[in-house]
Amino acid sequence: MKFSKVSQLVLVSALGLAAAFALSGCALVSIDYIFVASSTGTTAGSAGQIQTFAADANTGALRPIGTAAASGGSSPVSLATTADYANLYVANQGNNSLAHFAIAGDGSLAQKDTVTVPFKPNAIAVNTAGTYLYVVGGSSPGKIAVYPLSSGTIGTLASSTSLTIPGYASDLTVPTAVNVLANNSDVYVTVWDQSAYNPGGSVTSSANPGWVFGFASGTGGAVTATSGSPYQAGVRPVGITSDPTNRFVYATDYASNNLIGYAVMSNGVLNFMVNGPFKTANQPTAIVIDPRGLYIYVPNSLSNTVSAYSIALSTGTPTITIAPTGSGAAITDTEPVAVVVDPALGVYVYTANYLGNSISGFKLDPNTGSIAATQATPYPTGAYPTAIAAVPHGNHAVQSVAP
């Protein structure tokens, strides 16, 4: 019997929900809350929502809990939490807003405040001190904006800095991701030059297209470019992360199917890892490092996979791990665009799948870093999920490496 694509989607969603509800009838012990940003309607431009899922400690399986919270705007694209897991922030592209939510002990969200950003936001990050919220976006040129935080509340814009490429000040630069070192000293932003790399459009610049901008974080929210910034980063870098010991930074190059590694030198300067870049599958998007700083996970949006890498602690060199399937990647639902590792146990990996309208779950092997699918994955979400975040449930211990 042949089903239409719509019928197939409805059937898969129904089966996934049935499995999730069946699991919820068992004696589950929630270890984390997983938040995913999606649209309430059937199009990506619909009003945004944040859905909450509880992760089972034994299996990693997810079940939806409570009622989805309105995201504070439309087209939510990025989520970030404070290091104490008490606050969640959402960037909404549809109305250029940042929304702040308090996270209750049961995983429920209460919206607290909202501010308007002077450009279309693409990504956000919070420093571990919980004192600043960094926002990147815009394109004429792109910018990084810094907002102070006080007990989670978003303050007045502290600084806004243009992301221009030396010698190419008129180029259109598009910031895609932002990361803050665990010690709060430096901030890094991935940017691609649309004037130099513009698939399907005209190219008007001879600049290198991909970059990582580095900034030292100063008092009052000021940022100062690190020496040598910006640093070349392939063609179209779209994701960035750093290890918990502040020694390594990694970026994903969507256009070249590469993972680019840097060593963090004194004063936040970045140096290329000499044996890089490192291959990924097709169209890598986001990137995350597990809380112990041992493994890297990269979702590949065109391949519908997650690539897993082990990190050589002495050099930062990533090496692909072999999944139980015998390949170097694990299968997700359609078009994974965001990824998170659970903070409580540090053994579950989840991706938000944009065209799959779902979350895919995996359990990592703490000895090798390889991952295998969790029970009943994928888990249905709202339409076009774009971002994912996680906080530990209750007073469970958190896996981490002290910087």
Protein backbone atom coordinates (compact mmCIF):
# COMPACT_ATOMS: atom_id res chain seq x y z
CA MET A 1 0.00 0.00 0.00
CA LYS A 2 1.34 3.46 -0.90
CA PHE A 3 0.78 6.45 1.37
CA SER A 4 1.08 10.08 0.37
CA LYS A 5 3.88 12.04 2.02
CA VAL A 6 1.33 13.77 4.23
CA SER A 7 -0.19 10.45 5.25
CA GLN A 8 3.22 9.05 6.00
CA LEU A 9 4.07 12.06 8.18
CA VAL A 10 0.80 11.75 10.09
CA LEU A 11 1.36 8.03 10.61
CA VAL A 12 4.96 8.49 11.79
CA SER A 13 3.93 11.29 14.16
CA ALA A 14 1.09 9.20 15.56
CA LEU A 15 3.35 6.21 16.12
CA GLY A 16 5.98 8.40 17.77
CA LEU A 17 3.44 9.96 20.08
CA ALA A 18 1.96 6.58 20.92
CA ALA A 19 5.42 5.30 21.82
CA ALA A 20 6.15 8.37 23.91
CA PHE A 21 2.87 8.08 25.80
CA ALA A 22 3.45 4.36 26.30
CA LEU A 23 6.79 5.21 27.83
CA SER A 24 5.18 7.85 30.05
CA GLY A 25 3.04 5.13 31.61
CA CYS A 26 6.16 3.35 32.87
CA ALA A 27 8.10 4.24 35.98
CA LEU A 28 10.32 6.85 34.38
CA VAL A 29 12.92 8.90 36.22
CA SER A 30 13.42 12.26 34.52
CA ILE A 31 17.04 13.34 34.40
CA ASP A 32 16.83 16.41 32.13
CA TYR A 33 14.39 18.83 30.57
CA ILE A 34 14.85 19.38 26.84
CA PHE A 35 13.54 22.59 25.25
CA VAL A 36 12.97 22.92 21.52
CA ALA A 37 11.97 26.02 19.54
CA SER A 38 9.50 25.51 16.70
CA SER A 39 6.53 27.11 14.93
CA THR A 40 2.93 26.74 16.06
CA GLY A 41 1.55 26.71 12.52
CA THR A 42 2.46 24.82 9.38
CA THR A 43 4.95 27.37 8.07
CA ALA A 44 8.33 28.47 9.37
CA GLY A 45 7.11 32.06 9.77
CA SER A 46 4.30 31.21 12.16
CA ALA A 47 4.22 32.28 15.79
CA GLY A 48 6.99 30.61 17.74
CA GLN A 49 6.72 28.19 20.64
CA ILE A 50 9.00 26.46 23.13
CA GLN A 51 8.11 22.85 23.88
CA THR A 52 9.40 21.00 26.92
CA PHE A 53 10.32 17.32 27.06
CA ALA A 54 11.44 15.17 29.99
CA ALA A 55 14.36 12.80 29.36
CA ASP A 56 14.31 9.38 31.00
CA ALA A 57 17.46 8.63 33.00
CA ASN A 58 17.61 4.97 31.96
CA THR A 59 16.85 5.16 28.25
CA GLY A 60 17.13 8.79 27.17
CA ALA A 61 13.61 8.57 25.72
CA LEU A 62 11.71 11.84 25.63
CA ARG A 63 8.10 12.55 26.55
CA PRO A 64 6.36 15.92 26.16
CA ILE A 65 5.31 17.62 29.38
CA GLY A 66 3.11 20.63 30.08
CA THR A 67 1.87 23.12 27.52
CA ALA A 68 4.14 24.76 24.97
CA ALA A 69 5.07 28.35 25.82
CA ALA A 70 4.79 31.14 23.26
CA SER A 71 8.33 32.15 22.25
CA GLY A 72 7.62 35.87 22.47
CA GLY A 73 7.61 36.34 18.71
CA SER A 74 7.76 34.45 15.42
CA SER A 75 10.50 32.41 13.78
CA PRO A 76 12.54 31.51 16.88
CA VAL A 77 16.06 30.55 15.79
CA SER A 78 18.27 30.20 18.86
CA LEU A 79 18.08 29.16 22.52
CA ALA A 80 20.51 29.70 25.40
CA THR A 81 20.44 29.01 29.14
CA THR A 82 22.34 30.44 32.08
CA ALA A 83 24.92 28.18 33.71
CA ASP A 84 22.72 27.80 36.81
CA TYR A 85 19.93 26.53 34.51
CA ALA A 86 17.44 29.01 35.98
CA ASN A 87 16.91 31.09 32.82
CA LEU A 88 16.19 30.42 29.16
CA TYR A 89 16.57 32.97 26.36
CA VAL A 90 15.01 32.85 22.90
CA ALA A 91 15.97 34.83 19.79
CA ASN A 92 12.98 35.48 17.49
CA GLN A 93 13.82 36.56 13.95
CA GLY A 94 10.24 37.40 13.02
CA ASN A 95 10.02 40.42 15.33
CA ASN A 96 13.72 40.97 16.11
CA SER A 97 13.24 40.14 19.78
CA LEU A 98 14.91 38.43 22.71
CA ALA A 99 12.59 36.78 25.24
CA HIS A 100 13.59 35.73 28.74
CA PHE A 101 11.94 32.83 30.58
CA ALA A 102 12.41 31.59 34.13
CA ILE A 103 12.76 27.81 34.34
CA ALA A 104 10.82 26.19 37.20
CA GLY A 105 11.84 22.99 38.95
CA ASP A 106 9.24 21.04 36.98
CA GLY A 107 10.56 22.31 33.64
CA SER A 108 7.75 24.81 33.07
CA LEU A 109 8.58 28.21 31.61
CA ALA A 110 7.39 31.63 32.75
CA GLN A 111 8.08 34.57 30.45
CA LYS A 112 9.71 37.46 32.28
CA ASP A 113 10.87 40.16 29.90
CA THR A 114 11.43 40.90 26.22
CA VAL A 115 13.70 43.35 24.40
CA THR A 116 13.89 44.40 20.77
CA VAL A 117 17.20 43.87 18.98
CA PRO A 118 18.33 46.54 16.45
CA PHE A 119 18.85 43.85 13.78
CA LYS A 120 17.55 40.42 12.83
CA PRO A 121 19.10 37.99 15.34
CA ASN A 122 20.67 34.74 14.13
CA ALA A 123 22.21 33.28 17.29
CA ILE A 124 22.69 33.95 21.00
CA ALA A 125 24.96 32.81 23.84
CA VAL A 126 25.23 33.53 27.58
CA ASN A 127 28.52 33.64 29.46
CA THR A 128 28.93 31.15 32.32
CA ALA A 129 28.94 34.00 34.85
CA GLY A 130 25.38 34.81 33.77
CA THR A 131 26.26 38.48 33.37
CA TYR A 132 26.07 39.02 29.60
CA LEU A 133 23.92 37.86 26.71
CA TYR A 134 25.61 37.97 23.30
CA VAL A 135 23.52 38.34 20.13
CA VAL A 136 24.74 38.15 16.54
CA GLY A 137 22.83 38.91 13.35
CA GLY A 138 22.16 41.44 10.61
CA SER A 139 24.05 41.56 7.32
CA SER A 140 24.89 45.14 6.29
CA PRO A 141 27.31 44.37 7.86
CA GLY A 142 26.61 41.80 10.55
CA LYS A 143 26.90 42.80 14.20
CA ILE A 144 27.48 41.47 17.69
CA ALA A 145 25.41 43.09 20.43
CA VAL A 146 25.92 42.66 24.18
CA TYR A 147 23.16 42.90 26.79
CA PRO A 148 23.86 42.87 30.54
CA LEU A 149 21.96 40.38 32.69
CA SER A 150 20.88 40.93 36.28
CA SER A 151 19.34 37.92 38.02
CA GLY A 152 18.35 36.78 34.55
CA THR A 153 16.67 40.03 33.51
CA ILE A 154 17.88 41.49 30.20
CA GLY A 155 19.23 45.03 30.59
CA THR A 156 19.72 47.88 28.13
CA LEU A 157 22.00 47.32 25.15
CA ALA A 158 25.58 47.73 26.37
CA SER A 159 27.48 47.61 23.08
CA SER A 160 27.08 46.85 19.39
CA THR A 161 30.05 46.12 17.15
CA SER A 162 30.11 45.70 13.37
CA LEU A 163 31.65 42.55 11.93
CA THR A 164 33.58 43.90 8.94
CA ILE A 165 36.37 42.17 7.08
CA PRO A 166 39.59 44.22 6.88
CA GLY A 167 39.98 45.62 3.37
CA TYR A 168 36.39 44.76 2.46
CA ALA A 169 34.37 47.14 4.60
CA SER A 170 31.43 47.28 2.17
CA ASP A 171 30.93 43.49 1.98
CA LEU A 172 27.74 41.93 3.34
CA THR A 173 28.74 39.77 6.29
CA VAL A 174 26.34 37.26 7.83
CA PRO A 175 26.99 36.13 11.42
CA THR A 176 25.79 32.57 12.03
CA ALA A 177 26.83 31.48 15.54
CA VAL A 178 28.43 32.77 18.74
CA ASN A 179 30.33 31.08 21.57
CA VAL A 180 31.81 32.27 24.86
CA LEU A 181 34.78 30.53 26.49
CA ALA A 182 33.94 28.82 29.78
CA ASN A 183 36.21 31.25 31.65
CA ASN A 184 34.22 34.19 30.15
CA SER A 185 37.37 35.83 28.76
CA ASP A 186 36.71 35.68 25.03
CA VAL A 187 33.82 35.52 22.56
CA TYR A 188 33.95 34.02 19.06
CA VAL A 189 31.56 34.57 16.14
CA THR A 190 31.32 32.63 12.87
CA VAL A 191 30.67 34.84 9.84
CA TRP A 192 30.43 34.30 6.10
CA ASP A 193 30.89 36.98 3.49
CA GLN A 194 27.84 36.95 1.20
CA SER A 195 29.59 39.29 -1.22
CA ALA A 196 32.32 36.67 -1.73
CA TYR A 197 30.21 33.51 -1.52
CA ASN A 198 26.65 33.73 -2.79
CA PRO A 199 25.28 30.50 -4.32
CA GLY A 200 22.71 31.37 -6.97
CA GLY A 201 23.58 35.07 -6.77
CA SER A 202 26.31 37.44 -7.88
CA VAL A 203 29.76 37.60 -6.30
CA THR A 204 31.19 41.10 -5.93
CA SER A 205 34.17 40.54 -3.63
CA SER A 206 37.45 38.63 -3.77
CA ALA A 207 37.64 38.27 0.03
CA ASN A 208 37.97 34.90 1.72
CA PRO A 209 34.35 33.98 2.42
CA GLY A 210 34.52 32.30 5.85
CA TRP A 211 35.72 33.85 9.13
CA VAL A 212 35.80 33.57 12.90
CA PHE A 213 35.85 36.90 14.72
CA GLY A 214 37.44 36.91 18.17
CA PHE A 215 36.73 39.40 20.95
CA ALA A 216 38.04 39.89 24.44
CA SER A 217 35.19 40.49 26.86
CA GLY A 218 35.64 43.73 28.79
CA THR A 219 33.87 45.57 31.56
CA GLY A 220 30.43 47.00 30.98
CA GLY A 221 29.78 44.71 28.02
CA ALA A 222 32.53 46.15 25.83
CA VAL A 223 34.24 43.78 23.38
CA THR A 224 37.69 44.31 21.85
CA ALA A 225 39.01 42.41 18.84
CA THR A 226 41.69 39.85 19.65
CA SER A 227 45.01 40.11 17.84
CA GLY A 228 44.78 38.85 14.27
CA SER A 229 40.98 38.74 14.27
CA PRO A 230 39.16 37.81 12.13
CA TYR A 231 40.61 34.36 11.45
CA GLN A 232 39.95 32.46 8.23
CA ALA A 233 37.32 29.71 8.54
CA GLY A 234 36.74 28.01 5.22
CA VAL A 235 33.78 29.05 3.08
CA ARG A 236 30.56 29.20 5.11
CA PRO A 237 31.04 28.51 8.82
CA VAL A 238 27.69 28.10 10.59
CA GLY A 239 28.39 26.55 14.00
CA ILE A 240 30.96 27.17 16.73
CA THR A 241 31.84 25.76 20.15
CA SER A 242 34.75 25.58 22.59
CA ASP A 243 35.97 22.93 24.99
CA PRO A 244 35.39 23.34 28.75
CA THR A 245 39.10 23.93 29.45
CA ASN A 246 39.26 27.01 27.16
CA ARG A 247 42.01 25.48 24.99
CA PHE A 248 40.22 24.67 21.75
CA VAL A 249 37.61 26.21 19.44
CA TYR A 250 35.84 24.35 16.65
CA ALA A 251 33.70 25.61 13.75
CA THR A 252 31.64 23.74 11.15
CA ASP A 253 31.93 24.71 7.48
CA TYR A 254 28.56 24.07 5.84
CA ALA A 255 29.81 24.62 2.29
CA SER A 256 33.03 22.58 2.44
CA ASN A 257 31.81 19.72 4.66
CA ASN A 258 34.57 20.36 7.16
CA LEU A 259 35.18 20.71 10.88
CA ILE A 260 37.78 23.41 11.53
CA GLY A 261 39.83 23.34 14.72
CA TYR A 262 41.76 26.10 16.46
CA ALA A 263 44.04 26.22 19.48
CA VAL A 264 43.31 29.11 21.83
CA MET A 265 46.55 30.96 22.53
CA SER A 266 47.27 33.74 25.03
CA ASN A 267 44.91 36.71 24.92
CA GLY A 268 42.33 34.67 23.00
CA VAL A 269 44.28 34.47 19.73
CA LEU A 270 43.29 31.51 17.53
CA ASN A 271 45.78 29.30 15.67
CA PHE A 272 44.73 26.67 13.14
CA MET A 273 45.22 23.05 14.14
CA VAL A 274 47.97 22.01 11.75
CA ASN A 275 46.36 18.71 10.79
CA GLY A 276 42.96 20.20 9.99
CA PRO A 277 40.41 20.74 8.65
CA PHE A 278 38.59 17.50 9.42
CA LYS A 279 35.94 15.93 7.21
CA THR A 280 32.27 15.76 8.12
CA ALA A 281 29.30 14.39 6.22
CA ASN A 282 27.24 16.68 3.96
CA GLN A 283 26.31 20.19 5.12
CA PRO A 284 27.32 20.20 8.79
CA THR A 285 25.34 22.71 10.80
CA ALA A 286 25.63 23.00 14.58
CA ILE A 287 28.28 21.57 16.90
CA VAL A 288 28.49 20.61 20.57
CA ILE A 289 31.10 19.16 22.94
CA ASP A 290 30.06 16.81 25.75
CA PRO A 291 30.33 18.22 29.30
CA ARG A 292 33.54 16.27 30.03
CA GLY A 293 35.26 17.78 27.01
CA LEU A 294 36.00 14.39 25.41
CA TYR A 295 33.71 14.19 22.37
CA ILE A 296 32.35 16.40 19.59
CA TYR A 297 28.97 15.90 17.89
CA VAL A 298 28.10 17.49 14.54
CA PRO A 299 24.69 17.18 12.85
CA ASN A 300 24.87 17.01 9.05
CA SER A 301 21.72 18.52 7.57
CA LEU A 302 21.89 17.03 4.07
CA SER A 303 23.12 13.58 5.14
CA ASN A 304 20.60 13.35 8.01
CA THR A 305 23.31 12.12 10.36
CA VAL A 306 25.33 13.04 13.43
CA SER A 307 29.10 12.68 13.21
CA ALA A 308 30.90 11.82 16.45
CA TYR A 309 34.54 12.64 17.15
CA SER A 310 36.88 11.93 20.06
CA ILE A 311 39.19 14.76 21.11
CA ALA A 312 42.92 14.21 21.66
CA LEU A 313 43.28 16.06 24.94
CA SER A 314 46.89 17.06 24.30
CA THR A 315 46.35 18.63 20.86
CA GLY A 316 42.58 19.02 20.44
CA THR A 317 42.65 16.95 17.25
CA PRO A 318 39.24 15.36 16.57
CA THR A 319 39.09 11.77 15.32
CA ILE A 320 35.89 10.27 13.91
CA THR A 321 34.44 7.50 16.07
CA ILE A 322 32.75 4.43 14.68
CA ALA A 323 29.04 4.08 15.42
CA PRO A 324 27.49 0.69 16.26
CA THR A 325 26.19 0.65 12.66
CA GLY A 326 29.80 0.41 11.46
CA SER A 327 29.87 3.93 10.02
CA GLY A 328 31.25 7.17 11.36
CA ALA A 329 27.81 8.71 11.82
CA ALA A 330 24.39 7.93 13.30
CA ILE A 331 21.11 8.42 11.42
CA THR A 332 18.76 11.24 12.41
CA ASP A 333 15.37 12.33 11.13
CA THR A 334 15.29 14.80 8.21
CA GLU A 335 17.61 17.85 8.27
CA PRO A 336 19.15 18.10 11.74
CA VAL A 337 20.06 21.73 12.44
CA ALA A 338 20.75 21.91 16.18
CA VAL A 339 22.30 19.61 18.78
CA VAL A 340 22.68 19.35 22.56
CA VAL A 341 24.20 16.92 25.08
CA ASP A 342 22.25 16.37 28.30
CA PRO A 343 23.98 18.16 31.21
CA ALA A 344 22.95 15.80 34.02
CA LEU A 345 24.50 12.52 32.91
CA GLY A 346 26.32 13.74 29.83
CA VAL A 347 25.39 10.58 27.92
CA TYR A 348 22.40 11.58 25.77
CA VAL A 349 22.65 13.54 22.52
CA TYR A 350 19.61 15.17 20.90
CA THR A 351 19.15 16.89 17.53
CA ALA A 352 16.37 19.20 16.37
CA ASN A 353 15.32 18.10 12.87
CA TYR A 354 13.98 21.00 10.81
CA LEU A 355 12.14 19.08 8.09
CA GLY A 356 11.48 16.02 10.25
CA ASN A 357 9.47 18.09 12.76
CA SER A 358 11.12 16.04 15.45
CA ILE A 359 13.94 15.45 17.92
CA SER A 360 16.29 12.51 17.38
CA GLY A 361 17.85 10.95 20.48
CA PHE A 362 21.09 9.02 20.96
CA LYS A 363 23.02 7.49 23.84
CA LEU A 364 26.77 7.95 23.77
CA ASP A 365 29.30 5.39 24.85
CA PRO A 366 31.38 7.18 27.53
CA ASN A 367 34.43 5.10 26.60
CA THR A 368 34.43 5.75 22.85
CA GLY A 369 32.00 8.59 22.16
CA SER A 370 30.08 6.56 19.57
CA ILE A 371 26.30 6.97 19.68
CA ALA A 372 23.29 4.69 19.22
CA ALA A 373 19.61 5.60 18.90
CA THR A 374 17.53 5.95 22.05
CA GLN A 375 14.24 4.15 22.57
CA ALA A 376 11.30 5.29 20.38
CA THR A 377 13.29 8.02 18.60
CA PRO A 378 12.42 10.33 16.83
CA TYR A 379 10.09 12.33 19.06
CA PRO A 380 7.51 14.60 17.33
CA THR A 381 7.73 18.37 17.79
CA GLY A 382 6.01 21.42 16.35
CA ALA A 383 6.71 22.56 12.80
CA TYR A 384 10.25 23.36 11.70
CA PRO A 385 12.22 23.06 14.95
CA THR A 386 15.32 25.24 14.80
CA ALA A 387 17.00 25.23 18.21
CA ILE A 388 17.40 22.97 21.24
CA ALA A 389 18.62 23.38 24.82
CA ALA A 390 18.73 21.25 27.98
CA VAL A 391 18.81 21.68 31.75
CA PRO A 392 19.20 19.06 34.50
CA HIS A 393 16.11 18.02 36.44
CA GLY A 394 15.97 18.75 40.18
CA ASN A 395 19.12 18.32 42.23
CA HIS A 396 20.83 15.78 39.98
CA ALA A 397 24.59 16.12 39.66
CA VAL A 398 25.85 17.85 36.53
CA GLN A 399 28.66 16.49 34.37
CA SER A 400 31.34 19.12 33.75
CA VAL A 401 35.03 19.90 33.60
CA ALA A 402 36.10 22.86 35.72
CA PRO A 403 37.95 25.39 33.56
